Amino acid sequence: MSGAQCAREAPPAPPPAPAVEISHVVQRDVPIYLESIGTTRGDTEVEVRARVEGVLESVNFVEGSQVKKGDLLYTIDPRQYQAALEEAKGKLAQSQADLARHEQDVARFKPLADENAIPRQTLDTAVAEANAARASVQAAQAAVMAAELDLGYTRIYAPTDGIIGKTEVNEGNLVGRGQSTLLTQISQVDPIRLRVSLNERDYLLLARKRAERGINASSPGQVEMLLADGTIHPHRGRVAFVDRLVDASTGTLLVDIAFPNPQRLIRPGQYGRARVAVDIQPNALLVPQKAVTALQSVDTVFVLKPDETVESRQVKTGARVETLWVIESGLRPDDRVVVEGLQKIRPGMKVHATEVPAESQGAASATTAAK
């Protein structure tokens, strides 16, 4: 047999072991968090409306700016209300003059009636006219007060501190006809409130855990807020309001959580997630999320054995902790799992493994109560 024939009959060399990256299972205590999604709203939301009818003369603020209580926001043409006030003052002066005249009659008639110099009926008539004049004065005084109020309503001031929205009406428009026209809105954003709806199960869990730990509404901030970009608001919040009843149609309870917002970063209408620790899971086993493969509701991981081969192992995943999964069953604390190269391996295959740290190992982590 020739050398060429021997070369053709030699078995092919085995393929090189695929390179994979592995991580040790992380074991540590992790807090279990309850999470709920909600929207933010101002601590106080105020609608600014026109209370009298008239043409809007000026808008005296910058839309979206911070305003202080008492700042002038709008002016309405005051001329008709100034005229009405002057008319009311004139009627008051006339009523006061009539009252003075009738009181003088009473003072003059009384001694004469006592001496029977005039009929008693003359005095009684004078007293009745004085009383009627006194009532007219009171009515005229009320009319003056009403006219002063209407004139005052032509200058509209900020009722509270806060961020003012856009103006709904511009200069030259007629406002207040038939109803109080909405002009703008002001929101107090420090603190800011996150309004969430808790389902009954989560509410009961949270209420019991808070009672066990002696936490009440006056306790300092216990709640975190996760923002839309994944960051955590730097200030913790406290429960500010819990509705009196569970909505029967949705099975949820309305809760407001107040968060300090000194930088005014959070604005009304944003989405956020409230997160509060309800328990601690001791010695939890965690693996990177990318190590877990889900197929038909079955979660599996590849575990590196001491002989450098891999085996597929079914696991039960629990809560998510940042980029890690809590593994409730299927792994041991000393296991090593494949995190990169999963598409190149199959059970029993020998691999060339490079160890890398778990992505969130050593970082502060949080676990949600439910996936």
Protein backbone atom coordinates (compact mmCIF):
# COMPACT_ATOMS: atom_id res chain seq x y z
CA MET A 1 0.00 0.00 0.00
CA SER A 2 1.40 3.35 -1.00
CA GLY A 3 1.90 6.28 1.31
CA ALA A 4 -0.72 8.25 -0.59
CA GLN A 5 -3.31 5.54 0.07
CA CYS A 6 -2.48 5.54 3.79
CA ALA A 7 -2.95 9.29 3.90
CA ARG A 8 -6.35 9.01 2.24
CA GLU A 9 -7.53 6.36 4.72
CA ALA A 10 -6.39 8.22 7.90
CA PRO A 11 -9.34 9.59 9.99
CA PRO A 12 -9.84 13.37 9.82
CA ALA A 13 -8.52 15.43 12.69
CA PRO A 14 -11.22 16.42 15.24
CA PRO A 15 -12.41 20.05 15.02
CA PRO A 16 -10.99 22.39 17.63
CA ALA A 17 -13.01 22.89 20.79
CA PRO A 18 -15.27 25.97 20.43
CA ALA A 19 -14.30 28.95 22.52
CA VAL A 20 -16.90 30.08 25.07
CA GLU A 21 -17.08 32.48 27.98
CA ILE A 22 -18.22 31.28 31.35
CA SER A 23 -19.19 32.90 34.65
CA HIS A 24 -19.39 31.59 38.19
CA VAL A 25 -22.83 31.54 39.75
CA VAL A 26 -23.20 34.60 42.00
CA GLN A 27 -24.51 33.99 45.51
CA ARG A 28 -25.61 36.86 47.74
CA ASP A 29 -28.55 38.32 49.62
CA VAL A 30 -30.82 40.38 47.38
CA PRO A 31 -33.71 42.63 48.32
CA ILE A 32 -37.07 41.73 46.82
CA TYR A 33 -38.83 44.76 45.41
CA LEU A 34 -42.42 45.50 44.60
CA GLU A 35 -42.77 47.57 41.44
CA SER A 36 -45.64 49.50 39.92
CA ILE A 37 -45.79 51.77 36.87
CA GLY A 38 -47.39 55.20 37.12
CA THR A 39 -47.38 58.77 35.86
CA THR A 40 -46.17 61.91 37.57
CA ARG A 41 -48.32 64.88 38.52
CA GLY A 42 -47.71 68.10 40.39
CA ASP A 43 -48.10 68.17 44.14
CA THR A 44 -50.67 70.88 43.44
CA GLU A 45 -52.33 71.42 40.06
CA VAL A 46 -54.08 74.78 39.72
CA GLU A 47 -56.23 75.99 36.83
CA VAL A 48 -56.09 79.74 36.27
CA ARG A 49 -59.41 81.01 34.88
CA ALA A 50 -60.96 84.34 33.91
CA ARG A 51 -63.69 85.25 36.41
CA VAL A 52 -65.04 88.28 34.56
CA GLU A 53 -65.84 88.94 30.93
CA GLY A 54 -63.60 91.19 28.89
CA VAL A 55 -60.90 91.56 26.29
CA LEU A 56 -57.50 90.21 27.33
CA GLU A 57 -55.09 93.15 27.37
CA SER A 58 -51.78 91.48 28.27
CA VAL A 59 -50.03 88.23 29.08
CA ASN A 60 -47.36 88.97 31.69
CA PHE A 61 -45.35 85.75 32.01
CA VAL A 62 -43.02 83.48 30.04
CA GLU A 63 -44.64 80.16 29.22
CA GLY A 64 -43.02 77.22 31.01
CA SER A 65 -41.25 79.42 33.55
CA GLN A 66 -41.25 79.35 37.33
CA VAL A 67 -43.72 81.80 38.89
CA LYS A 68 -44.25 82.94 42.45
CA LYS A 69 -47.51 83.36 44.30
CA GLY A 70 -48.82 86.87 43.62
CA ASP A 71 -47.05 87.37 40.27
CA LEU A 72 -49.21 89.24 37.73
CA LEU A 73 -50.17 86.83 34.94
CA TYR A 74 -52.92 88.53 32.88
CA THR A 75 -54.81 91.80 32.64
CA ILE A 76 -58.33 92.20 31.26
CA ASP A 77 -59.66 95.54 29.98
CA PRO A 78 -60.86 97.15 33.25
CA ARG A 79 -62.75 100.19 31.93
CA GLN A 80 -66.30 98.85 32.14
CA TYR A 81 -65.66 97.55 35.68
CA GLN A 82 -64.09 100.87 36.72
CA ALA A 83 -67.21 102.64 35.44
CA ALA A 84 -69.46 100.16 37.28
CA LEU A 85 -67.52 100.81 40.48
CA GLU A 86 -67.89 104.58 40.16
CA GLU A 87 -71.62 104.17 39.56
CA ALA A 88 -71.94 101.93 42.63
CA LYS A 89 -70.02 104.47 44.73
CA GLY A 90 -72.39 107.24 43.52
CA LYS A 91 -75.46 105.21 44.54
CA LEU A 92 -73.86 104.56 47.90
CA ALA A 93 -73.27 108.26 48.46
CA GLN A 94 -76.88 109.02 47.52
CA SER A 95 -78.17 106.33 49.89
CA GLN A 96 -76.00 107.66 52.70
CA ALA A 97 -77.36 111.18 52.09
CA ASP A 98 -80.95 109.86 52.19
CA LEU A 99 -80.20 108.04 55.43
CA ALA A 100 -78.74 111.15 57.02
CA ARG A 101 -81.85 113.17 56.05
CA HIS A 102 -84.22 110.56 57.47
CA GLU A 103 -82.20 110.25 60.68
CA GLN A 104 -82.40 114.03 61.08
CA ASP A 105 -86.20 113.81 60.67
CA VAL A 106 -86.39 111.17 63.37
CA ALA A 107 -84.23 113.28 65.71
CA ARG A 108 -86.41 116.34 65.08
CA PHE A 109 -89.79 114.57 65.32
CA LYS A 110 -89.11 112.52 68.44
CA PRO A 111 -89.22 115.35 71.06
CA LEU A 112 -92.21 116.88 69.31
CA ALA A 113 -94.08 113.58 69.38
CA ASP A 114 -93.19 113.14 73.06
CA GLU A 115 -94.84 116.54 73.77
CA ASN A 116 -97.81 115.61 71.52
CA ALA A 117 -96.91 118.54 69.29
CA ILE A 118 -97.15 116.29 66.23
CA PRO A 119 -99.00 113.04 65.61
CA ARG A 120 -97.20 109.88 66.72
CA GLN A 121 -97.78 108.52 63.20
CA THR A 122 -95.47 111.18 61.75
CA LEU A 123 -92.63 109.96 63.95
CA ASP A 124 -93.36 106.31 63.09
CA THR A 125 -93.26 107.15 59.38
CA ALA A 126 -89.92 108.93 59.79
CA VAL A 127 -88.47 105.94 61.70
CA ALA A 128 -89.64 103.52 58.98
CA GLU A 129 -88.13 105.71 56.26
CA ALA A 130 -84.85 105.87 58.19
CA ASN A 131 -84.77 102.07 58.48
CA ALA A 132 -85.47 101.73 54.74
CA ALA A 133 -82.68 104.22 53.99
CA ARG A 134 -80.31 102.26 56.24
CA ALA A 135 -81.10 99.08 54.28
CA SER A 136 -80.49 100.96 51.04
CA VAL A 137 -77.06 101.99 52.33
CA GLN A 138 -76.21 98.39 53.14
CA ALA A 139 -77.30 97.27 49.66
CA ALA A 140 -75.27 100.06 48.07
CA GLN A 141 -72.21 99.09 50.14
CA ALA A 142 -72.59 95.48 48.93
CA ALA A 143 -72.84 96.72 45.34
CA VAL A 144 -69.60 98.68 45.79
CA MET A 145 -67.86 95.59 47.19
CA ALA A 146 -69.08 93.50 44.25
CA ALA A 147 -67.89 96.13 41.77
CA GLU A 148 -64.49 96.27 43.51
CA LEU A 149 -64.22 92.48 43.27
CA ASP A 150 -65.07 92.50 39.57
CA LEU A 151 -62.51 95.24 38.97
CA GLY A 152 -59.92 93.25 40.93
CA TYR A 153 -60.59 90.19 38.78
CA THR A 154 -59.36 92.11 35.73
CA ARG A 155 -55.82 91.61 37.11
CA ILE A 156 -55.09 87.90 37.43
CA TYR A 157 -52.29 86.84 39.78
CA ALA A 158 -50.56 83.50 40.36
CA PRO A 159 -52.43 81.70 43.16
CA THR A 160 -49.42 79.56 44.07
CA ASP A 161 -45.73 78.96 43.34
CA GLY A 162 -44.94 76.54 40.53
CA ILE A 163 -44.20 76.00 36.85
CA ILE A 164 -46.70 77.71 34.59
CA GLY A 165 -47.86 76.10 31.38
CA LYS A 166 -48.64 77.59 28.00
CA THR A 167 -51.27 80.27 27.74
CA GLU A 168 -54.56 79.04 26.32
CA VAL A 169 -55.71 82.56 25.30
CA ASN A 170 -53.73 85.34 23.63
CA GLU A 171 -53.99 89.11 23.83
CA GLY A 172 -57.04 90.60 22.15
CA ASN A 173 -59.31 87.59 22.73
CA LEU A 174 -62.61 87.89 24.56
CA VAL A 175 -62.61 85.80 27.72
CA GLY A 176 -65.13 84.93 30.39
CA ARG A 177 -68.27 85.12 28.26
CA GLY A 178 -70.78 82.61 29.58
CA GLN A 179 -68.18 80.69 31.60
CA SER A 180 -64.85 81.09 33.35
CA THR A 181 -62.34 80.69 30.53
CA LEU A 182 -59.30 78.49 31.25
CA LEU A 183 -56.24 80.70 30.77
CA THR A 184 -53.36 78.46 31.89
CA GLN A 185 -52.31 75.93 34.53
CA ILE A 186 -49.69 75.98 37.28
CA SER A 187 -48.05 72.88 38.73
CA GLN A 188 -46.07 72.66 41.94
CA VAL A 189 -43.33 70.14 41.10
CA ASP A 190 -41.35 70.08 44.33
CA PRO A 191 -42.35 67.65 45.60
CA ILE A 192 -43.54 65.74 42.55
CA ARG A 193 -46.06 62.93 42.89
CA LEU A 194 -46.02 59.57 41.16
CA ARG A 195 -49.53 58.13 40.93
CA VAL A 196 -49.66 54.32 40.67
CA SER A 197 -52.39 51.69 40.82
CA LEU A 198 -51.58 48.72 43.06
CA ASN A 199 -53.42 45.46 42.58
CA GLU A 200 -54.99 43.94 45.68
CA ARG A 201 -52.33 41.28 46.15
CA ASP A 202 -49.46 43.76 45.99
CA TYR A 203 -51.28 46.18 48.30
CA LEU A 204 -51.83 43.49 50.94
CA LEU A 205 -48.20 42.35 50.68
CA LEU A 206 -46.92 45.90 51.01
CA ALA A 207 -49.26 46.81 53.87
CA ARG A 208 -48.29 43.74 55.88
CA LYS A 209 -44.57 44.18 55.32
CA ARG A 210 -44.76 47.86 56.27
CA ALA A 211 -46.66 46.96 59.45
CA GLU A 212 -44.06 44.31 60.34
CA ARG A 213 -41.26 46.83 59.91
CA GLY A 214 -43.08 49.65 61.72
CA ILE A 215 -43.29 51.89 58.66
CA ASN A 216 -46.13 54.39 58.40
CA ALA A 217 -47.03 57.45 56.36
CA SER A 218 -44.79 59.68 58.48
CA SER A 219 -41.74 57.46 57.99
CA PRO A 220 -38.91 58.88 55.85
CA GLY A 221 -38.66 58.04 52.17
CA GLN A 222 -38.74 54.32 51.44
CA VAL A 223 -39.71 54.31 47.76
CA GLU A 224 -37.43 54.63 44.72
CA MET A 225 -38.52 55.94 41.32
CA LEU A 226 -37.04 54.52 38.13
CA LEU A 227 -37.21 56.95 35.23
CA ALA A 228 -37.84 56.29 31.55
CA ASP A 229 -34.10 56.19 30.75
CA GLY A 230 -33.47 53.50 33.37
CA THR A 231 -31.87 55.81 35.93
CA ILE A 232 -33.02 56.08 39.53
CA HIS A 233 -34.32 59.42 40.81
CA PRO A 234 -31.75 60.60 43.40
CA HIS A 235 -34.37 61.28 46.09
CA ARG A 236 -36.50 58.64 47.79
CA GLY A 237 -40.21 59.19 48.17
CA ARG A 238 -42.88 58.52 50.76
CA VAL A 239 -46.50 57.44 50.45
CA ALA A 240 -48.55 60.65 50.45
CA PHE A 241 -52.02 59.35 49.68
CA VAL A 242 -53.86 56.02 49.57
CA ASP A 243 -57.36 56.02 48.16
CA ARG A 244 -60.19 54.91 50.43
CA LEU A 245 -61.40 52.02 48.25
CA VAL A 246 -60.26 49.43 45.73
CA ASP A 247 -61.70 50.02 42.25
CA ALA A 248 -64.08 47.09 41.74
CA SER A 249 -63.75 47.23 37.94
CA THR A 250 -59.94 46.99 37.90
CA GLY A 251 -59.13 45.49 41.30
CA THR A 252 -56.56 48.22 41.94
CA LEU A 253 -55.95 50.83 44.62
CA LEU A 254 -54.82 54.36 43.79
CA VAL A 255 -51.63 55.47 45.59
CA ASP A 256 -49.68 58.76 45.37
CA ILE A 257 -45.98 58.80 46.27
CA ALA A 258 -44.31 62.17 46.89
CA PHE A 259 -40.67 62.60 45.81
CA PRO A 260 -38.45 65.61 46.51
CA ASN A 261 -37.67 67.32 43.20
CA PRO A 262 -35.44 70.31 44.03
CA GLN A 263 -33.83 70.39 40.57
CA ARG A 264 -37.30 70.23 38.96
CA LEU A 265 -36.02 67.48 36.70
CA ILE A 266 -39.28 65.56 36.86
CA ARG A 267 -42.28 67.18 35.18
CA PRO A 268 -45.96 66.23 35.31
CA GLY A 269 -46.99 63.57 32.81
CA GLN A 270 -43.78 61.52 32.83
CA TYR A 271 -43.81 57.75 33.27
CA GLY A 272 -41.98 56.18 36.17
CA ARG A 273 -41.78 52.98 38.17
CA ALA A 274 -42.17 53.03 41.93
CA ARG A 275 -40.00 50.44 43.64
CA VAL A 276 -40.07 49.54 47.32
CA ALA A 277 -38.24 46.76 49.15
CA VAL A 278 -40.63 44.28 50.75
CA ASP A 279 -38.29 41.43 51.73
CA ILE A 280 -34.75 39.99 51.55
CA GLN A 281 -33.95 36.74 49.75
CA PRO A 282 -30.86 35.31 51.50
CA ASN A 283 -28.10 33.48 49.61
CA ALA A 284 -29.84 33.81 46.27
CA LEU A 285 -28.15 32.25 43.23
CA LEU A 286 -27.86 34.57 40.23
CA VAL A 287 -26.61 34.16 36.67
CA PRO A 288 -26.40 36.63 33.78
CA GLN A 289 -29.63 36.87 31.82
CA LYS A 290 -27.84 35.99 28.56
CA ALA A 291 -26.85 32.63 30.05
CA VAL A 292 -30.50 31.55 30.17
CA THR A 293 -32.16 30.13 27.06
CA ALA A 294 -35.96 29.95 26.98
CA LEU A 295 -37.68 27.45 24.69
CA GLN A 296 -41.38 26.64 24.96
CA SER A 297 -41.57 28.01 28.51
CA VAL A 298 -38.58 25.91 29.59
CA ASP A 299 -35.47 27.75 30.81
CA THR A 300 -32.09 26.06 30.40
CA VAL A 301 -28.44 26.92 30.93
CA PHE A 302 -25.22 25.24 29.83
CA VAL A 303 -23.05 24.27 32.79
CA LEU A 304 -19.29 23.63 32.43
CA LYS A 305 -18.29 20.30 34.01
CA PRO A 306 -14.84 19.60 35.53
CA ASP A 307 -13.76 17.69 32.39
CA GLU A 308 -14.30 20.83 30.30
CA THR A 309 -17.44 19.49 28.67
CA VAL A 310 -20.81 21.15 28.89
CA GLU A 311 -24.20 19.86 29.93
CA SER A 312 -27.64 21.37 29.45
CA ARG A 313 -29.52 21.87 32.67
CA GLN A 314 -33.12 22.93 33.15
CA VAL A 315 -33.55 25.73 35.70
CA LYS A 316 -36.37 27.67 37.29
CA THR A 317 -35.86 31.41 37.07
CA GLY A 318 -37.21 33.85 39.62
CA ALA A 319 -36.97 37.61 39.75
CA ARG A 320 -34.70 39.77 37.63
CA VAL A 321 -31.84 41.64 39.30
CA GLU A 322 -30.51 44.27 36.91
CA THR A 323 -28.82 42.07 34.25
CA LEU A 324 -29.04 38.87 36.29
CA TRP A 325 -31.69 36.25 36.88
CA VAL A 326 -32.36 34.74 40.28
CA ILE A 327 -32.23 30.96 39.87
CA GLU A 328 -34.65 29.22 42.21
CA SER A 329 -33.66 25.64 41.30
CA GLY A 330 -31.37 23.72 38.96
CA LEU A 331 -27.96 25.16 39.91
CA ARG A 332 -25.46 24.91 42.75
CA PRO A 333 -23.34 27.72 44.19
CA ASP A 334 -20.11 26.25 42.69
CA ASP A 335 -21.48 25.86 39.15
CA ARG A 336 -20.06 27.72 36.16
CA VAL A 337 -22.41 28.68 33.34
CA VAL A 338 -21.78 29.56 29.70
CA VAL A 339 -22.62 33.21 28.94
CA GLU A 340 -21.15 33.60 25.42
CA GLY A 341 -20.93 31.07 22.56
CA LEU A 342 -24.18 29.26 23.28
CA GLN A 343 -24.96 28.91 19.58
CA LYS A 344 -21.74 26.92 18.99
CA ILE A 345 -22.17 24.19 21.61
CA ARG A 346 -24.32 21.18 22.36
CA PRO A 347 -24.51 18.83 25.38
CA GLY A 348 -21.40 16.71 25.93
CA MET A 349 -19.15 18.88 23.76
CA LYS A 350 -15.70 19.78 25.01
CA VAL A 351 -15.09 23.52 25.00
CA HIS A 352 -12.28 25.99 25.47
CA ALA A 353 -13.55 28.20 28.30
CA THR A 354 -12.53 31.71 29.30
CA GLU A 355 -13.82 32.98 32.61
CA VAL A 356 -15.45 36.42 32.83
CA PRO A 357 -17.15 38.09 35.82
CA ALA A 358 -20.93 38.21 36.05
CA GLU A 359 -22.06 41.55 34.64
CA SER A 360 -23.66 42.90 37.80
CA GLN A 361 -21.42 41.17 40.32
CA GLY A 362 -20.61 43.48 43.20
CA ALA A 363 -23.09 46.12 42.07
CA ALA A 364 -26.04 47.24 44.14
CA SER A 365 -28.96 45.22 42.89
CA ALA A 366 -32.71 45.07 43.19
CA THR A 367 -35.16 42.25 42.79
CA THR A 368 -38.78 42.65 41.78
CA ALA A 369 -41.51 40.69 43.51
CA ALA A 370 -42.88 39.38 40.23
CA LYS A 371 -41.63 39.08 36.68
